[in-house]
Amino acid sequence: MHPILHDVLVGIPFFLWVLVVVFPVSRWFYEKYSNYRARKAIHYFAGGFAALIAPFIFKTPYVFVTASFLLFIMTYIPHAQEKRFEWFQISGKYGEVYFTFSYFVLFSIFWNLDIWVAVTAALFMAFGDGITGIVKEHFYGKRENERAVKGLNLGNLAMFIVCAPIGYIFEGVPGLIAAVYASLVEAFYGIDDNVTVPLGSAAIIWLLKSAGL
């Protein structure tokens, strides 16, 4: 079977799963908990699942990165048209748009260079940032945007506890160093952390490995 045809066939149920998470699953989290928890459910069950399973089921990057780009468009259009999916989107907050775009960039660049760089950086965002927000919400009160909690705090410690083993298992010392970076940069304002965490982490891992570390 041609690799692209294979990827299309496995990509259909894969993409449908992501849609199930984005719509009924995250909506359930919204109705039971909050808009914020719904977004983190997407982090875990869509973003984390996608990054972990992609290298094992796809033979080429094309279907996966196309799906990532379609999700980028799908999350951006509701903002542009002022018809947001209220259970996980917030006016003026484009985190999920940056999240999907970062996946598109990561896997487009690193699939054929070193796919585990992309996987590691994506998991930092999916699981590391995901747990950060839950911890911040628990200790500092319910909020729509955890970045309202400025500076380093328990959330960043929780992120490091999650990211450190991920980084070390997949990418050794460069991954561990990138975990430190990801856990620190999440605490500060500026460029959205859905960009700085995955893309910055991937760049650090790649540069350190290229330097022989």
N, C-alpha and C. Protein backbone atom coordinates (compact mmCIF):
# COMPACT_ATOMS: atom_id res chain seq x y z
N MET A 1 0.85 -1.20 0.00
CA MET A 1 0.00 0.00 0.00
C MET A 1 0.88 1.25 0.00
N HIS A 2 0.51 2.22 -0.79
CA HIS A 2 1.28 3.46 -0.85
C HIS A 2 1.25 4.15 0.52
N PRO A 3 2.40 4.70 0.95
CA PRO A 3 2.46 5.33 2.29
C PRO A 3 1.41 6.41 2.51
N ILE A 4 1.15 7.23 1.49
CA ILE A 4 0.16 8.30 1.67
C ILE A 4 -1.24 7.72 1.86
N LEU A 5 -1.58 6.70 1.06
CA LEU A 5 -2.88 6.05 1.20
C LEU A 5 -3.01 5.42 2.58
N HIS A 6 -1.96 4.76 3.03
CA HIS A 6 -1.96 4.20 4.38
C HIS A 6 -2.22 5.28 5.42
N ASP A 7 -1.53 6.41 5.28
CA ASP A 7 -1.67 7.49 6.26
C ASP A 7 -3.06 8.11 6.24
N VAL A 8 -3.65 8.19 5.05
CA VAL A 8 -5.02 8.70 4.96
C VAL A 8 -5.98 7.77 5.69
N LEU A 9 -5.81 6.48 5.48
CA LEU A 9 -6.72 5.50 6.10
C LEU A 9 -6.60 5.50 7.62
N VAL A 10 -5.38 5.57 8.14
CA VAL A 10 -5.23 5.60 9.60
C VAL A 10 -5.51 7.00 10.13
N GLY A 11 -5.36 8.00 9.27
CA GLY A 11 -5.58 9.38 9.71
C GLY A 11 -7.03 9.72 9.92
N ILE A 12 -7.93 9.05 9.23
CA ILE A 12 -9.35 9.35 9.37
C ILE A 12 -9.85 9.08 10.79
N PRO A 13 -9.67 7.86 11.33
CA PRO A 13 -10.10 7.65 12.73
C PRO A 13 -9.30 8.48 13.72
N PHE A 14 -8.04 8.73 13.40
CA PHE A 14 -7.19 9.58 14.24
C PHE A 14 -7.78 10.98 14.34
N PHE A 15 -8.13 11.56 13.21
CA PHE A 15 -8.68 12.91 13.17
C PHE A 15 -10.06 12.95 13.83
N LEU A 16 -10.84 11.88 13.62
CA LEU A 16 -12.17 11.82 14.24
C LEU A 16 -12.05 11.79 15.77
N TRP A 17 -11.04 11.09 16.28
CA TRP A 17 -10.83 11.07 17.73
C TRP A 17 -10.56 12.48 18.26
N VAL A 18 -9.71 13.21 17.56
CA VAL A 18 -9.41 14.58 17.97
C VAL A 18 -10.69 15.41 17.99
N LEU A 19 -11.52 15.25 16.98
CA LEU A 19 -12.78 16.00 16.92
C LEU A 19 -13.71 15.60 18.08
N VAL A 20 -13.71 14.33 18.42
CA VAL A 20 -14.53 13.87 19.56
C VAL A 20 -14.07 14.56 20.84
N VAL A 21 -12.75 14.67 21.01
CA VAL A 21 -12.22 15.34 22.20
C VAL A 21 -12.58 16.82 22.19
N VAL A 22 -12.41 17.47 21.04
CA VAL A 22 -12.65 18.91 20.94
C VAL A 22 -14.12 19.25 21.15
N PHE A 23 -15.00 18.38 20.72
CA PHE A 23 -16.43 18.70 20.82
C PHE A 23 -17.12 18.01 22.01
N PRO A 24 -17.58 16.77 21.95
CA PRO A 24 -18.32 16.24 23.11
C PRO A 24 -17.51 16.09 24.38
N VAL A 25 -16.25 15.65 24.29
CA VAL A 25 -15.48 15.41 25.52
C VAL A 25 -15.16 16.73 26.23
N SER A 26 -14.60 17.69 25.51
CA SER A 26 -14.26 18.96 26.16
C SER A 26 -15.52 19.70 26.60
N ARG A 27 -16.60 19.52 25.86
CA ARG A 27 -17.85 20.18 26.27
C ARG A 27 -18.35 19.60 27.59
N TRP A 28 -18.17 18.29 27.77
CA TRP A 28 -18.54 17.67 29.03
C TRP A 28 -17.72 18.28 30.18
N PHE A 29 -16.42 18.47 29.96
CA PHE A 29 -15.58 19.09 30.97
C PHE A 29 -16.03 20.51 31.27
N TYR A 30 -16.46 21.21 30.24
CA TYR A 30 -16.95 22.58 30.41
C TYR A 30 -18.22 22.59 31.28
N GLU A 31 -19.14 21.71 30.98
CA GLU A 31 -20.41 21.69 31.71
C GLU A 31 -20.23 21.20 33.14
N LYS A 32 -19.28 20.29 33.35
CA LYS A 32 -19.08 19.75 34.70
C LYS A 32 -18.13 20.61 35.52
N TYR A 33 -17.14 21.21 34.87
CA TYR A 33 -16.12 21.97 35.58
C TYR A 33 -16.06 23.43 35.13
N SER A 34 -15.39 23.68 34.01
CA SER A 34 -15.20 25.06 33.57
C SER A 34 -14.65 25.08 32.15
N ASN A 35 -14.71 26.26 31.54
CA ASN A 35 -14.10 26.49 30.23
C ASN A 35 -12.62 26.13 30.27
N TYR A 36 -12.00 26.48 31.37
CA TYR A 36 -10.56 26.27 31.52
C TYR A 36 -10.22 24.79 31.52
N ARG A 37 -10.98 24.00 32.29
CA ARG A 37 -10.74 22.56 32.33
C ARG A 37 -11.01 21.93 30.96
N ALA A 38 -11.96 22.46 30.23
CA ALA A 38 -12.24 21.95 28.89
C ALA A 38 -11.02 22.12 27.99
N ARG A 39 -10.36 23.26 28.09
CA ARG A 39 -9.16 23.50 27.27
C ARG A 39 -8.04 22.54 27.65
N LYS A 40 -7.90 22.28 28.94
CA LYS A 40 -6.84 21.38 29.38
C LYS A 40 -7.15 19.93 28.98
N ALA A 41 -8.43 19.58 28.92
CA ALA A 41 -8.80 18.25 28.43
C ALA A 41 -8.33 18.07 26.99
N ILE A 42 -8.44 19.13 26.19
CA ILE A 42 -7.97 19.08 24.81
C ILE A 42 -6.45 18.92 24.80
N HIS A 43 -5.77 19.61 25.70
CA HIS A 43 -4.31 19.46 25.82
C HIS A 43 -3.95 17.98 26.00
N TYR A 44 -4.59 17.34 26.99
CA TYR A 44 -4.22 15.97 27.33
C TYR A 44 -4.65 14.96 26.27
N PHE A 45 -5.96 14.95 26.01
CA PHE A 45 -6.55 13.85 25.26
C PHE A 45 -6.46 14.01 23.74
N ALA A 46 -6.25 15.22 23.27
CA ALA A 46 -6.05 15.42 21.84
C ALA A 46 -4.58 15.70 21.54
N GLY A 47 -4.03 16.76 22.14
CA GLY A 47 -2.64 17.12 21.87
C GLY A 47 -1.65 16.06 22.33
N GLY A 48 -1.79 15.59 23.55
CA GLY A 48 -0.87 14.59 24.07
C GLY A 48 -0.99 13.27 23.32
N PHE A 49 -2.21 12.83 23.10
CA PHE A 49 -2.45 11.59 22.36
C PHE A 49 -1.88 11.67 20.96
N ALA A 50 -2.11 12.79 20.29
CA ALA A 50 -1.64 12.96 18.91
C ALA A 50 -0.11 12.88 18.83
N ALA A 51 0.56 13.58 19.73
CA ALA A 51 2.02 13.59 19.69
C ALA A 51 2.61 12.23 19.98
N LEU A 52 2.01 11.50 20.91
CA LEU A 52 2.55 10.19 21.29
C LEU A 52 2.35 9.14 20.21
N ILE A 53 1.19 9.16 19.57
CA ILE A 53 0.86 8.07 18.66
C ILE A 53 1.30 8.30 17.23
N ALA A 54 1.48 9.56 16.84
CA ALA A 54 1.79 9.88 15.43
C ALA A 54 2.99 9.13 14.87
N PRO A 55 4.13 9.07 15.60
CA PRO A 55 5.29 8.38 15.01
C PRO A 55 5.07 6.90 14.75
N PHE A 56 4.09 6.31 15.44
CA PHE A 56 3.87 4.87 15.33
C PHE A 56 2.84 4.49 14.27
N ILE A 57 1.95 5.41 13.93
CA ILE A 57 0.90 5.03 12.98
C ILE A 57 1.05 5.68 11.61
N PHE A 58 1.80 6.78 11.53
CA PHE A 58 1.97 7.44 10.24
C PHE A 58 3.34 7.12 9.65
N LYS A 59 3.35 6.92 8.33
CA LYS A 59 4.60 6.62 7.64
C LYS A 59 5.27 7.86 7.06
N THR A 60 4.50 8.92 6.90
CA THR A 60 5.02 10.18 6.37
C THR A 60 4.43 11.32 7.22
N PRO A 61 4.97 12.51 7.10
CA PRO A 61 4.43 13.62 7.89
C PRO A 61 3.20 14.27 7.28
N TYR A 62 2.88 13.98 6.02
CA TYR A 62 1.97 14.83 5.27
C TYR A 62 0.54 14.86 5.83
N VAL A 63 0.00 13.70 6.16
CA VAL A 63 -1.37 13.67 6.67
C VAL A 63 -1.44 14.31 8.05
N PHE A 64 -0.44 14.01 8.87
CA PHE A 64 -0.45 14.55 10.24
C PHE A 64 -0.33 16.07 10.23
N VAL A 65 0.60 16.61 9.47
CA VAL A 65 0.77 18.06 9.48
C VAL A 65 -0.41 18.75 8.78
N THR A 66 -1.01 18.08 7.80
CA THR A 66 -2.21 18.65 7.17
C THR A 66 -3.35 18.71 8.16
N ALA A 67 -3.52 17.65 8.95
CA ALA A 67 -4.54 17.64 9.99
C ALA A 67 -4.30 18.74 11.01
N SER A 68 -3.03 18.94 11.38
CA SER A 68 -2.68 19.99 12.33
C SER A 68 -3.05 21.37 11.76
N PHE A 69 -2.77 21.56 10.48
CA PHE A 69 -3.09 22.85 9.85
C PHE A 69 -4.60 23.04 9.76
N LEU A 70 -5.34 21.98 9.45
CA LEU A 70 -6.80 22.09 9.41
C LEU A 70 -7.36 22.46 10.78
N LEU A 71 -6.79 21.89 11.83
CA LEU A 71 -7.23 22.24 13.18
C LEU A 71 -6.88 23.68 13.52
N PHE A 72 -5.75 24.14 13.03
CA PHE A 72 -5.38 25.54 13.19
C PHE A 72 -6.43 26.44 12.55
N ILE A 73 -6.83 26.14 11.34
CA ILE A 73 -7.87 26.92 10.66
C ILE A 73 -9.20 26.80 11.39
N MET A 74 -9.51 25.59 11.82
CA MET A 74 -10.79 25.34 12.49
C MET A 74 -10.91 26.12 13.79
N THR A 75 -9.80 26.31 14.49
CA THR A 75 -9.85 27.06 15.75
C THR A 75 -9.74 28.57 15.54
N TYR A 76 -9.13 28.96 14.42
CA TYR A 76 -8.98 30.40 14.16
C TYR A 76 -10.26 31.03 13.63
N ILE A 77 -10.95 30.36 12.73
CA ILE A 77 -12.14 30.94 12.08
C ILE A 77 -13.20 31.39 13.09
N PRO A 78 -13.53 30.60 14.12
CA PRO A 78 -14.53 31.07 15.09
C PRO A 78 -14.14 32.38 15.76
N HIS A 79 -12.85 32.58 16.01
CA HIS A 79 -12.39 33.86 16.56
C HIS A 79 -12.60 34.97 15.54
N ALA A 80 -12.22 34.72 14.31
CA ALA A 80 -12.31 35.75 13.26
C ALA A 80 -13.76 36.14 13.00
N GLN A 81 -14.67 35.19 13.12
CA GLN A 81 -16.08 35.44 12.83
C GLN A 81 -16.89 35.80 14.08
N GLU A 82 -16.20 35.87 15.23
CA GLU A 82 -16.88 36.16 16.50
C GLU A 82 -17.97 35.13 16.80
N LYS A 83 -17.70 33.88 16.42
CA LYS A 83 -18.64 32.79 16.69
C LYS A 83 -17.87 31.66 17.37
N ARG A 84 -17.26 31.98 18.48
CA ARG A 84 -16.37 31.04 19.16
C ARG A 84 -17.12 29.85 19.75
N PHE A 85 -16.38 28.75 19.87
CA PHE A 85 -16.88 27.58 20.60
C PHE A 85 -16.74 27.92 22.08
N GLU A 86 -17.85 28.33 22.68
CA GLU A 86 -17.78 28.95 24.00
C GLU A 86 -17.28 28.01 25.09
N TRP A 87 -17.34 26.71 24.85
CA TRP A 87 -16.91 25.79 25.91
C TRP A 87 -15.39 25.69 26.03
N PHE A 88 -14.64 26.17 25.02
CA PHE A 88 -13.18 26.16 25.22
C PHE A 88 -12.47 27.39 24.65
N GLN A 89 -13.19 28.25 23.96
CA GLN A 89 -12.56 29.45 23.41
C GLN A 89 -13.01 30.69 24.17
N ILE A 90 -12.08 31.66 24.29
CA ILE A 90 -12.34 32.90 25.01
C ILE A 90 -11.96 34.06 24.11
N SER A 91 -12.76 35.10 24.14
CA SER A 91 -12.49 36.28 23.33
C SER A 91 -11.11 36.86 23.66
N GLY A 92 -10.32 37.08 22.63
CA GLY A 92 -9.00 37.67 22.83
C GLY A 92 -7.92 36.70 23.24
N LYS A 93 -8.27 35.44 23.48
CA LYS A 93 -7.30 34.42 23.88
C LYS A 93 -7.17 33.40 22.76
N TYR A 94 -5.99 33.34 22.17
CA TYR A 94 -5.78 32.50 20.99
C TYR A 94 -4.89 31.29 21.28
N GLY A 95 -4.85 30.86 22.52
CA GLY A 95 -3.95 29.78 22.90
C GLY A 95 -4.13 28.52 22.07
N GLU A 96 -5.37 28.10 21.86
CA GLU A 96 -5.61 26.87 21.11
C GLU A 96 -5.23 27.02 19.64
N VAL A 97 -5.29 28.25 19.13
CA VAL A 97 -4.88 28.52 17.75
C VAL A 97 -3.35 28.36 17.65
N TYR A 98 -2.64 28.96 18.59
CA TYR A 98 -1.18 28.83 18.61
C TYR A 98 -0.75 27.38 18.85
N PHE A 99 -1.50 26.69 19.68
CA PHE A 99 -1.21 25.30 20.00
C PHE A 99 -1.19 24.45 18.73
N THR A 100 -2.26 24.54 17.94
CA THR A 100 -2.36 23.74 16.72
C THR A 100 -1.32 24.18 15.69
N PHE A 101 -1.05 25.49 15.63
CA PHE A 101 -0.06 25.97 14.68
C PHE A 101 1.34 25.48 15.06
N SER A 102 1.62 25.42 16.36
CA SER A 102 2.92 24.93 16.82
C SER A 102 3.11 23.46 16.43
N TYR A 103 2.06 22.68 16.53
CA TYR A 103 2.15 21.28 16.10
C TYR A 103 2.47 21.21 14.62
N PHE A 104 1.81 22.03 13.83
CA PHE A 104 2.05 22.06 12.39
C PHE A 104 3.52 22.38 12.10
N VAL A 105 4.05 23.38 12.77
CA VAL A 105 5.45 23.79 12.55
C VAL A 105 6.41 22.72 13.06
N LEU A 106 6.19 22.23 14.27
CA LEU A 106 7.09 21.24 14.87
C LEU A 106 7.26 20.01 14.00
N PHE A 107 6.13 19.42 13.62
CA PHE A 107 6.20 18.15 12.91
C PHE A 107 6.56 18.34 11.44
N SER A 108 6.30 19.52 10.89
CA SER A 108 6.75 19.81 9.53
C SER A 108 8.27 19.86 9.48
N ILE A 109 8.87 20.49 10.48
CA ILE A 109 10.33 20.67 10.50
C ILE A 109 11.06 19.41 10.93
N PHE A 110 10.59 18.78 12.00
CA PHE A 110 11.40 17.74 12.64
C PHE A 110 11.02 16.30 12.29
N TRP A 111 9.95 16.10 11.55
CA TRP A 111 9.54 14.72 11.26
C TRP A 111 10.70 13.93 10.65
N ASN A 112 11.35 14.50 9.66
CA ASN A 112 12.43 13.79 8.97
C ASN A 112 13.82 14.09 9.53
N LEU A 113 13.91 15.10 10.41
CA LEU A 113 15.19 15.40 11.05
C LEU A 113 15.38 14.55 12.30
N ASP A 114 14.42 14.64 13.20
CA ASP A 114 14.43 13.87 14.44
C ASP A 114 13.04 14.02 15.05
N ILE A 115 12.18 13.08 14.72
CA ILE A 115 10.77 13.23 15.10
C ILE A 115 10.60 13.30 16.62
N TRP A 116 11.54 12.71 17.37
CA TRP A 116 11.38 12.70 18.83
C TRP A 116 11.64 14.07 19.44
N VAL A 117 12.33 14.93 18.72
CA VAL A 117 12.43 16.33 19.15
C VAL A 117 11.03 16.95 19.14
N ALA A 118 10.30 16.74 18.06
CA ALA A 118 8.95 17.28 17.95
C ALA A 118 8.03 16.68 19.00
N VAL A 119 8.12 15.37 19.18
CA VAL A 119 7.26 14.70 20.16
C VAL A 119 7.53 15.23 21.56
N THR A 120 8.79 15.33 21.93
CA THR A 120 9.15 15.81 23.27
C THR A 120 8.63 17.22 23.51
N ALA A 121 8.88 18.11 22.56
CA ALA A 121 8.43 19.50 22.72
C ALA A 121 6.92 19.60 22.76
N ALA A 122 6.25 18.79 21.96
CA ALA A 122 4.78 18.81 21.96
C ALA A 122 4.23 18.30 23.29
N LEU A 123 4.86 17.28 23.85
CA LEU A 123 4.40 16.74 25.13
C LEU A 123 4.64 17.72 26.28
N PHE A 124 5.70 18.51 26.18
CA PHE A 124 5.90 19.57 27.18
C PHE A 124 4.67 20.47 27.23
N MET A 125 4.14 20.78 26.04
CA MET A 125 2.99 21.67 25.97
C MET A 125 1.71 20.95 26.39
N ALA A 126 1.53 19.74 25.86
CA ALA A 126 0.29 19.02 26.11
C ALA A 126 0.13 18.62 27.57
N PHE A 127 1.15 18.00 28.14
CA PHE A 127 1.06 17.50 29.51
C PHE A 127 1.66 18.46 30.53
N GLY A 128 2.82 19.03 30.21
CA GLY A 128 3.48 19.93 31.16
C GLY A 128 2.67 21.18 31.42
N ASP A 129 2.34 21.90 30.35
CA ASP A 129 1.54 23.10 30.53
C ASP A 129 0.15 22.77 31.04
N GLY A 130 -0.35 21.60 30.63
CA GLY A 130 -1.67 21.19 31.10
C GLY A 130 -1.72 21.06 32.62
N ILE A 131 -0.73 20.39 33.20
CA ILE A 131 -0.73 20.22 34.66
C ILE A 131 -0.44 21.54 35.36
N THR A 132 0.34 22.40 34.72
CA THR A 132 0.63 23.71 35.32
C THR A 132 -0.64 24.48 35.60
N GLY A 133 -1.51 24.51 34.58
CA GLY A 133 -2.75 25.26 34.74
C GLY A 133 -3.65 24.69 35.81
N ILE A 134 -3.73 23.35 35.88
CA ILE A 134 -4.58 22.72 36.90
C ILE A 134 -4.07 23.05 38.30
N VAL A 135 -2.75 23.00 38.48
CA VAL A 135 -2.17 23.31 39.79
C VAL A 135 -2.40 24.77 40.14
N LYS A 136 -2.21 25.66 39.18
CA LYS A 136 -2.43 27.09 39.45
C LYS A 136 -3.89 27.35 39.81
N GLU A 137 -4.79 26.70 39.09
CA GLU A 137 -6.20 26.90 39.39
C GLU A 137 -6.53 26.39 40.79
N HIS A 138 -5.93 25.27 41.18
CA HIS A 138 -6.21 24.69 42.49
C HIS A 138 -5.70 25.57 43.62
N PHE A 139 -4.47 26.09 43.47
CA PHE A 139 -3.85 26.83 44.57
C PHE A 139 -4.14 28.32 44.55
N TYR A 140 -4.43 28.87 43.37
CA TYR A 140 -4.58 30.33 43.27
C TYR A 140 -5.98 30.76 42.84
N GLY A 141 -6.92 29.82 42.80
CA GLY A 141 -8.30 30.18 42.53
C GLY A 141 -8.71 29.94 41.09
N LYS A 142 -10.02 29.75 40.87
CA LYS A 142 -10.52 29.49 39.52
C LYS A 142 -10.36 30.74 38.67
N ARG A 143 -9.99 30.52 37.41
CA ARG A 143 -9.78 31.62 36.49
C ARG A 143 -9.92 31.10 35.08
N GLU A 144 -10.18 32.01 34.17
CA GLU A 144 -10.26 31.62 32.78
C GLU A 144 -8.87 31.52 32.16
N ASN A 145 -7.90 32.21 32.74
CA ASN A 145 -6.57 32.24 32.14
C ASN A 145 -5.52 32.15 33.24
N GLU A 146 -4.83 31.00 33.32
CA GLU A 146 -3.88 30.80 34.41
C GLU A 146 -2.71 31.76 34.33
N ARG A 147 -2.46 32.36 33.15
CA ARG A 147 -1.33 33.28 33.04
C ARG A 147 -1.60 34.60 33.76
N ALA A 148 -2.81 34.74 34.31
CA ALA A 148 -3.08 35.88 35.18
C ALA A 148 -2.28 35.75 36.47
N VAL A 149 -1.81 34.54 36.77
CA VAL A 149 -0.94 34.33 37.92
C VAL A 149 0.49 34.59 37.45
N LYS A 150 1.03 35.73 37.84
CA LYS A 150 2.33 36.15 37.32
C LYS A 150 3.49 35.47 38.04
N GLY A 151 4.58 35.29 37.31
CA GLY A 151 5.82 34.83 37.91
C GLY A 151 5.86 33.34 38.21
N LEU A 152 6.99 32.92 38.72
CA LEU A 152 7.19 31.52 39.05
C LEU A 152 6.37 31.13 40.28
N ASN A 153 5.81 29.94 40.26
CA ASN A 153 5.00 29.48 41.37
C ASN A 153 4.90 27.96 41.34
N LEU A 154 3.99 27.40 42.13
CA LEU A 154 3.86 25.96 42.22
C LEU A 154 3.49 25.32 40.88
N GLY A 155 2.78 26.07 40.06
CA GLY A 155 2.42 25.54 38.75
C GLY A 155 3.64 25.23 37.90
N ASN A 156 4.65 26.10 37.98
CA ASN A 156 5.86 25.87 37.21
C ASN A 156 6.68 24.71 37.76
N LEU A 157 6.64 24.54 39.06
CA LEU A 157 7.30 23.38 39.67
C LEU A 157 6.62 22.10 39.19
N ALA A 158 5.29 22.10 39.17
CA ALA A 158 4.55 20.93 38.68
C ALA A 158 4.89 20.66 37.22
N MET A 159 5.04 21.71 36.44
CA MET A 159 5.37 21.54 35.02
C MET A 159 6.74 20.88 34.88
N PHE A 160 7.70 21.30 35.68
CA PHE A 160 9.03 20.69 35.61
C PHE A 160 8.99 19.23 36.03
N ILE A 161 8.21 18.91 37.05
CA ILE A 161 8.11 17.53 37.52
C ILE A 161 7.56 16.63 36.42
N VAL A 162 6.67 17.17 35.59
CA VAL A 162 6.11 16.40 34.48
C VAL A 162 7.06 16.39 33.28
N CYS A 163 7.63 17.56 32.95
CA CYS A 163 8.44 17.68 31.74
C CYS A 163 9.82 17.02 31.88
N ALA A 164 10.40 17.05 33.07
CA ALA A 164 11.75 16.51 33.24
C ALA A 164 11.86 15.05 32.83
N PRO A 165 10.99 14.16 33.34
CA PRO A 165 11.11 12.76 32.90
C PRO A 165 10.78 12.58 31.42
N ILE A 166 9.82 13.35 30.90
CA ILE A 166 9.51 13.27 29.47
C ILE A 166 10.74 13.64 28.66
N GLY A 167 11.36 14.76 29.01
CA GLY A 167 12.53 15.22 28.29
C GLY A 167 13.68 14.25 28.36
N TYR A 168 13.92 13.70 29.54
CA TYR A 168 15.06 12.80 29.71
C TYR A 168 14.83 11.46 29.01
N ILE A 169 13.61 10.94 29.11
CA ILE A 169 13.31 9.65 28.48
C ILE A 169 13.47 9.73 26.96
N PHE A 170 12.96 10.78 26.37
CA PHE A 170 12.97 10.88 24.91
C PHE A 170 14.27 11.47 24.35
N GLU A 171 14.87 12.41 25.08
CA GLU A 171 16.01 13.14 24.50
C GLU A 171 17.20 13.32 25.44
N GLY A 172 17.23 12.59 26.54
CA GLY A 172 18.38 12.62 27.42
C GLY A 172 18.64 13.98 28.05
N VAL A 173 19.90 14.34 28.19
CA VAL A 173 20.27 15.60 28.84
C VAL A 173 19.72 16.81 28.08
N PRO A 174 19.79 16.86 26.74
CA PRO A 174 19.19 18.00 26.04
C PRO A 174 17.69 18.15 26.36
N GLY A 175 17.00 17.03 26.48
CA GLY A 175 15.58 17.08 26.83
C GLY A 175 15.35 17.59 28.23
N LEU A 176 16.25 17.22 29.15
CA LEU A 176 16.14 17.68 30.53
C LEU A 176 16.38 19.19 30.61
N ILE A 177 17.38 19.67 29.88
CA ILE A 177 17.66 21.11 29.86
C ILE A 177 16.49 21.87 29.25
N ALA A 178 15.91 21.31 28.19
CA ALA A 178 14.75 21.94 27.57
C ALA A 178 13.56 21.96 28.53
N ALA A 179 13.45 20.96 29.38
CA ALA A 179 12.37 20.92 30.37
C ALA A 179 12.50 22.08 31.35
N VAL A 180 13.74 22.40 31.73
CA VAL A 180 13.98 23.55 32.60
C VAL A 180 13.52 24.83 31.90
N TYR A 181 13.94 24.98 30.66
CA TYR A 181 13.53 26.15 29.88
C TYR A 181 12.01 26.26 29.80
N ALA A 182 11.34 25.15 29.42
CA ALA A 182 9.89 25.17 29.25
C ALA A 182 9.18 25.56 30.54
N SER A 183 9.67 25.03 31.66
CA SER A 183 9.03 25.30 32.95
C SER A 183 9.23 26.74 33.40
N LEU A 184 10.31 27.36 32.97
CA LEU A 184 10.58 28.76 33.33
C LEU A 184 9.84 29.72 32.41
N VAL A 185 9.90 29.47 31.10
CA VAL A 185 9.34 30.43 30.15
C VAL A 185 7.82 30.51 30.26
N GLU A 186 7.19 29.44 30.73
CA GLU A 186 5.74 29.45 30.88
C GLU A 186 5.28 30.53 31.85
N ALA A 187 6.16 30.92 32.77
CA ALA A 187 5.77 31.84 33.84
C ALA A 187 5.68 33.29 33.39
N PHE A 188 6.21 33.61 32.22
CA PHE A 188 6.34 35.01 31.85
C PHE A 188 5.46 35.40 30.67
N TYR A 189 5.04 36.64 30.68
CA TYR A 189 4.23 37.17 29.59
C TYR A 189 5.11 37.46 28.38
N GLY A 190 4.48 37.80 27.30
CA GLY A 190 5.19 38.08 26.06
C GLY A 190 4.54 37.26 24.96
N ILE A 191 5.35 36.55 24.20
CA ILE A 191 4.80 35.64 23.19
C ILE A 191 4.08 34.51 23.90
N ASP A 192 2.95 34.09 23.34
CA ASP A 192 2.13 33.05 23.96
C ASP A 192 2.94 31.79 24.25
N ASP A 193 2.71 31.18 25.42
CA ASP A 193 3.50 30.00 25.79
C ASP A 193 3.18 28.79 24.92
N ASN A 194 2.07 28.81 24.20
CA ASN A 194 1.79 27.74 23.25
C ASN A 194 2.74 27.81 22.06
N VAL A 195 3.48 28.89 21.96
CA VAL A 195 4.53 29.03 20.95
C VAL A 195 5.91 28.85 21.58
N THR A 196 6.16 29.60 22.67
CA THR A 196 7.50 29.59 23.26
C THR A 196 7.88 28.25 23.86
N VAL A 197 6.91 27.55 24.46
CA VAL A 197 7.25 26.26 25.08
C VAL A 197 7.60 25.21 24.02
N PRO A 198 6.71 24.89 23.07
CA PRO A 198 7.08 23.82 22.14
C PRO A 198 8.18 24.18 21.16
N LEU A 199 8.10 25.36 20.54
CA LEU A 199 9.09 25.71 19.53
C LEU A 199 10.45 26.02 20.16
N GLY A 200 10.45 26.73 21.28
CA GLY A 200 11.70 27.01 21.97
C GLY A 200 12.35 25.75 22.50
N SER A 201 11.55 24.84 23.05
CA SER A 201 12.10 23.59 23.57
C SER A 201 12.71 22.75 22.45
N ALA A 202 12.00 22.68 21.33
CA ALA A 202 12.52 21.91 20.19
C ALA A 202 13.84 22.49 19.70
N ALA A 203 13.91 23.81 19.63
CA ALA A 203 15.15 24.46 19.17
C ALA A 203 16.30 24.16 20.11
N ILE A 204 16.06 24.20 21.41
CA ILE A 204 17.11 23.93 22.40
C ILE A 204 17.59 22.49 22.28
N ILE A 205 16.66 21.55 22.19
CA ILE A 205 17.05 20.14 22.07
C ILE A 205 17.88 19.91 20.81
N TRP A 206 17.40 20.45 19.71
CA TRP A 206 18.10 20.25 18.43
C TRP A 206 19.50 20.86 18.46
N LEU A 207 19.62 22.07 18.99
CA LEU A 207 20.92 22.72 19.04
C LEU A 207 21.89 21.99 19.95
N LEU A 208 21.39 21.55 21.10
CA LEU A 208 22.26 20.83 22.04
C LEU A 208 22.69 19.49 21.47
N LYS A 209 21.79 18.79 20.80
CA LYS A 209 22.17 17.51 20.19
C LYS A 209 23.14 17.73 19.04
N SER A 210 22.92 18.80 18.28
CA SER A 210 23.81 19.10 17.17
C SER A 210 25.22 19.45 17.67
N ALA A 211 25.27 19.99 18.90
CA ALA A 211 26.56 20.34 19.49
C ALA A 211 27.24 19.13 20.14
N GLY A 212 26.55 17.99 20.12
CA GLY A 212 27.14 16.76 20.63
C GLY A 212 26.82 16.44 22.06
N LEU A 213 25.90 17.18 22.66
CA LEU A 213 25.55 16.94 24.07
C LEU A 213 24.66 15.69 24.19
